[in-house]
Amino acid sequence: MLLAGVAWAYLVRESHMMSGMSMGDMEMQMWTTTDLALRVAMWAAMMIGMMIPSAAPMTLVYAAVARKSQEQSSPLPPTSVFVAGYVLIWTLFSVGAAVAQRSLDQAGLLSSTMASTNSRLGGALLLAAGIYQLTPLKQSCLRNCRSPADFLTHHWRGGGTAGALRLGVYHGVYCLGCCWVLMGLLFVVGVMNLVWVAVIAGFILVEKTLPFGRAGGRLAGAALIALGMAALTGTFTI
C-alpha cells in the first residue's frame, strides 16, 4: 500500500504541474523520446496507484504463506518479489497506453486535458468497455482475481525467486485481462482527471473484492453499452 501511496503522490504532483500549464503550451508540445518516457512513467504510476489496492488480497495471502513457511524453516521469497512481477505487467501495459496516447494526440483527437474531442471515439470506447464487461474472457480473469487462495493453489510451482516473480506476473496478467479495456475510459474523461481515476480504481476494487462485485460489473457493462450507443447516435454528449 506504501507503493500505491507514492504513486498517488506522484499523480497529484503531475496533475498540479499540468494545471499550471497554459493550453497553448499543451497544444504545442512535441512528442520527443523524453516526452514519451515521461508519459510511460505517468501511466505506470497511475496503474500502480489504481491496481495495487485491488491486488491487496492476493498480496496478503502470499505474505501469510511466506510467514508460515519462514516459521517452518522453508522460507519463500519476500512479498516484494511477487509484487515486482505484478507491477512489471502493468508497466508493460503503460508503454502501450503511452504510445496510444501519443497516436491519439498527434491525430488531434485529445484535448489539453487528454480527453477525447471526438464523440465517435468516446462512444466507441464506452461501448467497447461495456461489451468487454460481459465477455467470457473478462469473467474468467475476474474469477482468478477474486479467489486468491485458489489462484495460489493452482499457479504456485515453487522455483524460489523466479517462481515468486512468475506468480506475480501471472496475477498481473489476469488483472490486466480484467481491466485493460476499462483503462480506455480515461481517454473519455481525461487521463489526468484524478477524480475519475479514483472512481475507476474504486470500481475495480469493488468488482474484485466484494460479494456483489461480479453482478455490479455486469450492470456497469450494460450501463456503459447504453452510454456508448447514445454517444454514437448523438443522443448523449460526452
Protein backbone atom coordinates (compact mmCIF):
# COMPACT_ATOMS: atom_id res chain seq x y z
CA MET A 1 0.00 0.00 0.00
CA LEU A 2 3.01 2.28 0.53
CA LEU A 3 3.81 1.82 -3.16
CA ALA A 4 0.27 2.87 -4.09
CA GLY A 5 0.56 5.92 -1.83
CA VAL A 6 3.80 7.01 -3.50
CA ALA A 7 2.17 6.54 -6.92
CA TRP A 8 -0.81 8.71 -5.93
CA ALA A 9 1.51 11.41 -4.58
CA TYR A 10 3.29 11.45 -7.93
CA LEU A 11 -0.02 11.69 -9.80
CA VAL A 12 -1.20 14.61 -7.67
CA ARG A 13 2.10 16.39 -8.34
CA GLU A 14 1.81 15.77 -12.10
CA SER A 15 -1.80 16.94 -12.11
CA HIS A 16 -0.84 20.21 -10.40
CA MET A 17 2.02 20.74 -12.84
CA MET A 18 -0.28 20.22 -15.84
CA SER A 19 -2.95 22.50 -14.41
CA GLY A 20 -0.30 25.24 -14.25
CA MET A 21 0.48 24.95 -17.95
CA SER A 22 -1.35 27.11 -20.47
CA MET A 23 -3.48 25.49 -23.13
CA GLY A 24 -1.10 26.77 -25.76
CA ASP A 25 1.84 25.10 -24.04
CA MET A 26 0.00 21.78 -24.04
CA GLU A 27 -1.18 22.01 -27.62
CA MET A 28 2.27 22.94 -28.96
CA GLN A 29 4.17 20.31 -27.03
CA MET A 30 6.07 17.92 -29.30
CA TRP A 31 6.32 14.23 -28.54
CA THR A 32 10.05 13.66 -28.15
CA THR A 33 11.55 10.42 -26.85
CA THR A 34 11.85 12.07 -23.44
CA ASP A 35 8.18 13.10 -23.51
CA LEU A 36 7.16 9.54 -24.34
CA ALA A 37 9.28 8.20 -21.48
CA LEU A 38 7.66 10.68 -19.09
CA ARG A 39 4.19 9.60 -20.26
CA VAL A 40 5.14 5.97 -19.69
CA ALA A 41 6.20 6.91 -16.15
CA MET A 42 2.91 8.76 -15.64
CA TRP A 43 0.86 5.80 -16.82
CA ALA A 44 2.92 3.38 -14.74
CA ALA A 45 2.35 5.48 -11.61
CA MET A 46 -1.35 5.65 -12.42
CA MET A 47 -1.63 1.90 -12.93
CA ILE A 48 0.24 1.20 -9.68
CA GLY A 49 -1.97 3.63 -7.77
CA MET A 50 -5.13 2.14 -9.26
CA MET A 51 -4.29 -1.56 -9.21
CA ILE A 52 -2.16 -2.24 -6.12
CA PRO A 53 -5.15 -1.81 -3.74
CA SER A 54 -7.21 -4.35 -5.69
CA ALA A 55 -4.27 -6.77 -5.63
CA ALA A 56 -4.00 -6.45 -1.83
CA PRO A 57 -5.99 -9.66 -1.05
CA MET A 58 -3.65 -11.79 -3.17
CA THR A 59 -0.59 -9.99 -1.81
CA LEU A 60 -1.73 -10.57 1.78
CA VAL A 61 -2.34 -14.27 1.10
CA TYR A 62 1.15 -14.64 -0.35
CA ALA A 63 2.63 -12.77 2.62
CA ALA A 64 0.80 -15.04 5.07
CA VAL A 65 2.05 -18.17 3.29
CA ALA A 66 5.57 -16.73 3.26
CA ARG A 67 5.44 -16.07 7.02
CA LYS A 68 4.23 -19.61 7.71
CA SER A 69 6.96 -21.05 5.52
CA GLN A 70 9.53 -18.98 7.39
CA GLU A 71 8.31 -20.45 10.68
CA GLN A 72 8.66 -23.94 9.20
CA SER A 73 12.25 -23.24 8.11
CA SER A 74 11.37 -23.37 4.41
CA PRO A 75 11.32 -19.66 3.54
CA LEU A 76 9.70 -18.32 0.41
CA PRO A 77 10.98 -15.27 -1.46
CA PRO A 78 9.80 -11.96 0.05
CA THR A 79 6.45 -10.49 -0.90
CA SER A 80 8.25 -7.69 -2.75
CA VAL A 81 9.29 -10.20 -5.41
CA PHE A 82 5.68 -11.19 -6.04
CA VAL A 83 4.66 -7.52 -6.20
CA ALA A 84 7.50 -6.79 -8.63
CA GLY A 85 6.11 -9.36 -11.07
CA TYR A 86 2.67 -7.82 -10.79
CA VAL A 87 4.00 -4.29 -11.34
CA LEU A 88 6.03 -5.47 -14.34
CA ILE A 89 2.85 -6.40 -16.25
CA TRP A 90 1.20 -3.03 -15.60
CA THR A 91 4.42 -1.24 -16.55
CA LEU A 92 4.41 -3.02 -19.90
CA PHE A 93 0.77 -2.02 -20.33
CA SER A 94 1.80 1.58 -19.56
CA VAL A 95 4.15 1.56 -22.54
CA GLY A 96 1.26 0.62 -24.83
CA ALA A 97 -1.03 3.20 -23.20
CA ALA A 98 1.52 5.98 -23.67
CA VAL A 99 2.02 5.03 -27.32
CA ALA A 100 -1.77 5.06 -27.80
CA GLN A 101 -1.95 8.47 -26.15
CA ARG A 102 0.72 9.82 -28.48
CA SER A 103 -1.11 8.46 -31.52
CA LEU A 104 -4.44 9.97 -30.46
CA ASP A 105 -2.79 13.27 -29.59
CA GLN A 106 -0.99 13.50 -32.92
CA ALA A 107 -4.27 12.72 -34.70
CA GLY A 108 -5.86 15.69 -32.94
CA LEU A 109 -8.32 13.52 -31.01
CA LEU A 110 -7.33 14.60 -27.49
CA SER A 111 -7.94 17.87 -25.68
CA SER A 112 -5.44 19.65 -23.44
CA THR A 113 -6.79 17.55 -20.56
CA MET A 114 -6.09 14.38 -22.56
CA ALA A 115 -9.79 13.63 -23.03
CA SER A 116 -11.38 12.63 -26.31
CA THR A 117 -12.55 15.51 -28.50
CA ASN A 118 -14.42 13.15 -30.81
CA SER A 119 -17.84 11.83 -29.80
CA ARG A 120 -17.43 8.76 -32.00
CA LEU A 121 -14.15 7.85 -30.33
CA GLY A 122 -15.63 8.43 -26.88
CA GLY A 123 -18.72 6.43 -27.73
CA ALA A 124 -16.65 3.59 -29.15
CA LEU A 125 -14.51 3.43 -26.01
CA LEU A 126 -17.60 3.34 -23.78
CA LEU A 127 -19.21 0.66 -25.95
CA ALA A 128 -16.05 -1.47 -26.02
CA ALA A 129 -15.66 -1.28 -22.24
CA GLY A 130 -19.31 -2.24 -21.73
CA ILE A 131 -19.21 -5.19 -24.11
CA TYR A 132 -15.96 -6.48 -22.63
CA GLN A 133 -17.50 -6.48 -19.16
CA LEU A 134 -19.89 -9.20 -20.35
CA THR A 135 -17.42 -11.44 -22.21
CA PRO A 136 -16.33 -14.91 -21.00
CA LEU A 137 -12.69 -13.77 -21.04
CA LYS A 138 -13.46 -10.96 -18.63
CA GLN A 139 -15.37 -13.32 -16.32
CA SER A 140 -12.59 -15.91 -16.40
CA CYS A 141 -9.95 -13.34 -15.46
CA LEU A 142 -12.21 -11.92 -12.76
CA ARG A 143 -12.65 -15.36 -11.16
CA ASN A 144 -8.89 -15.70 -10.82
CA CYS A 145 -8.60 -12.23 -9.30
CA ARG A 146 -11.43 -12.79 -6.82
CA SER A 147 -10.10 -16.06 -5.35
CA PRO A 148 -6.55 -15.51 -4.01
CA ALA A 149 -6.28 -18.88 -2.24
CA ASP A 150 -7.45 -20.79 -5.32
CA PHE A 151 -5.11 -18.75 -7.51
CA LEU A 152 -2.14 -19.56 -5.28
CA THR A 153 -3.06 -23.26 -5.20
CA HIS A 154 -3.35 -23.54 -8.98
CA HIS A 155 -0.41 -21.36 -10.04
CA TRP A 156 2.32 -21.67 -7.40
CA ARG A 157 5.01 -24.00 -8.72
CA GLY A 158 7.89 -23.13 -6.40
CA GLY A 159 11.13 -22.18 -8.03
CA GLY A 160 12.46 -19.70 -5.50
CA THR A 161 12.73 -16.07 -6.54
CA ALA A 162 11.95 -16.83 -10.19
CA GLY A 163 8.83 -18.72 -9.10
CA ALA A 164 7.57 -15.86 -6.92
CA LEU A 165 8.23 -13.38 -9.73
CA ARG A 166 6.41 -15.64 -12.18
CA LEU A 167 3.45 -15.90 -9.80
CA GLY A 168 3.24 -12.11 -9.65
CA VAL A 169 3.39 -11.96 -13.44
CA TYR A 170 0.54 -14.49 -13.71
CA HIS A 171 -1.59 -12.47 -11.31
CA GLY A 172 -0.77 -9.30 -13.22
CA VAL A 173 -1.84 -10.92 -16.48
CA TYR A 174 -5.20 -11.93 -15.03
CA CYS A 175 -5.73 -8.45 -13.59
CA LEU A 176 -4.79 -6.94 -16.94
CA GLY A 177 -7.33 -9.24 -18.56
CA CYS A 178 -9.93 -7.92 -16.12
CA CYS A 179 -9.30 -4.23 -16.51
CA TRP A 180 -7.38 -3.21 -19.62
CA VAL A 181 -10.44 -2.05 -21.57
CA LEU A 182 -11.68 -0.04 -18.58
CA MET A 183 -8.45 1.96 -18.74
CA GLY A 184 -9.55 3.22 -22.14
CA LEU A 185 -12.27 5.17 -20.33
CA LEU A 186 -9.53 7.51 -19.12
CA PHE A 187 -9.36 8.83 -22.67
CA VAL A 188 -13.06 9.68 -22.38
CA VAL A 189 -12.96 11.54 -19.05
CA GLY A 190 -9.37 12.84 -19.18
CA VAL A 191 -6.23 10.86 -18.46
CA MET A 192 -5.19 13.06 -15.54
CA ASN A 193 -8.69 13.63 -14.16
CA LEU A 194 -7.83 12.27 -10.72
CA VAL A 195 -11.45 12.18 -9.59
CA TRP A 196 -12.32 9.74 -12.37
CA VAL A 197 -9.06 7.86 -11.89
CA ALA A 198 -10.17 7.28 -8.28
CA VAL A 199 -13.72 6.33 -9.39
CA ILE A 200 -12.45 3.73 -11.85
CA ALA A 201 -9.96 2.39 -9.29
CA GLY A 202 -12.77 2.14 -6.72
CA PHE A 203 -14.99 0.28 -9.17
CA ILE A 204 -12.18 -2.20 -9.92
CA LEU A 205 -11.62 -2.74 -6.19
CA VAL A 206 -15.33 -3.39 -5.58
CA GLU A 207 -15.60 -5.71 -8.58
CA LYS A 208 -12.66 -7.80 -7.41
CA THR A 209 -13.27 -7.96 -3.68
CA LEU A 210 -16.93 -7.56 -2.66
CA PRO A 211 -19.59 -10.29 -2.88
CA PHE A 212 -21.76 -8.32 -5.30
CA GLY A 213 -18.77 -7.28 -7.41
CA ARG A 214 -19.44 -9.62 -10.33
CA ALA A 215 -23.11 -8.66 -10.59
CA GLY A 216 -22.17 -4.99 -10.27
CA GLY A 217 -19.65 -5.40 -13.05
CA ARG A 218 -22.32 -6.77 -15.38
CA LEU A 219 -24.67 -3.91 -14.51
CA ALA A 220 -21.88 -1.44 -15.18
CA GLY A 221 -21.28 -3.16 -18.51
CA ALA A 222 -24.90 -2.71 -19.53
CA ALA A 223 -24.79 0.96 -18.49
CA LEU A 224 -21.59 1.56 -20.48
CA ILE A 225 -23.12 -0.06 -23.56
CA ALA A 226 -26.16 2.21 -23.27
CA LEU A 227 -23.98 5.31 -22.87
CA GLY A 228 -21.76 4.27 -25.75
CA MET A 229 -24.72 3.73 -28.08
CA ALA A 230 -26.21 7.05 -27.01
CA ALA A 231 -22.93 8.85 -27.72
CA LEU A 232 -22.57 7.19 -31.14
CA THR A 233 -26.11 8.12 -32.12
CA GLY A 234 -25.77 11.68 -30.86
CA THR A 235 -28.37 11.43 -28.10
CA PHE A 236 -25.70 11.80 -25.41
CA THR A 237 -22.84 14.29 -25.49
CA ILE A 238 -19.57 13.37 -23.85
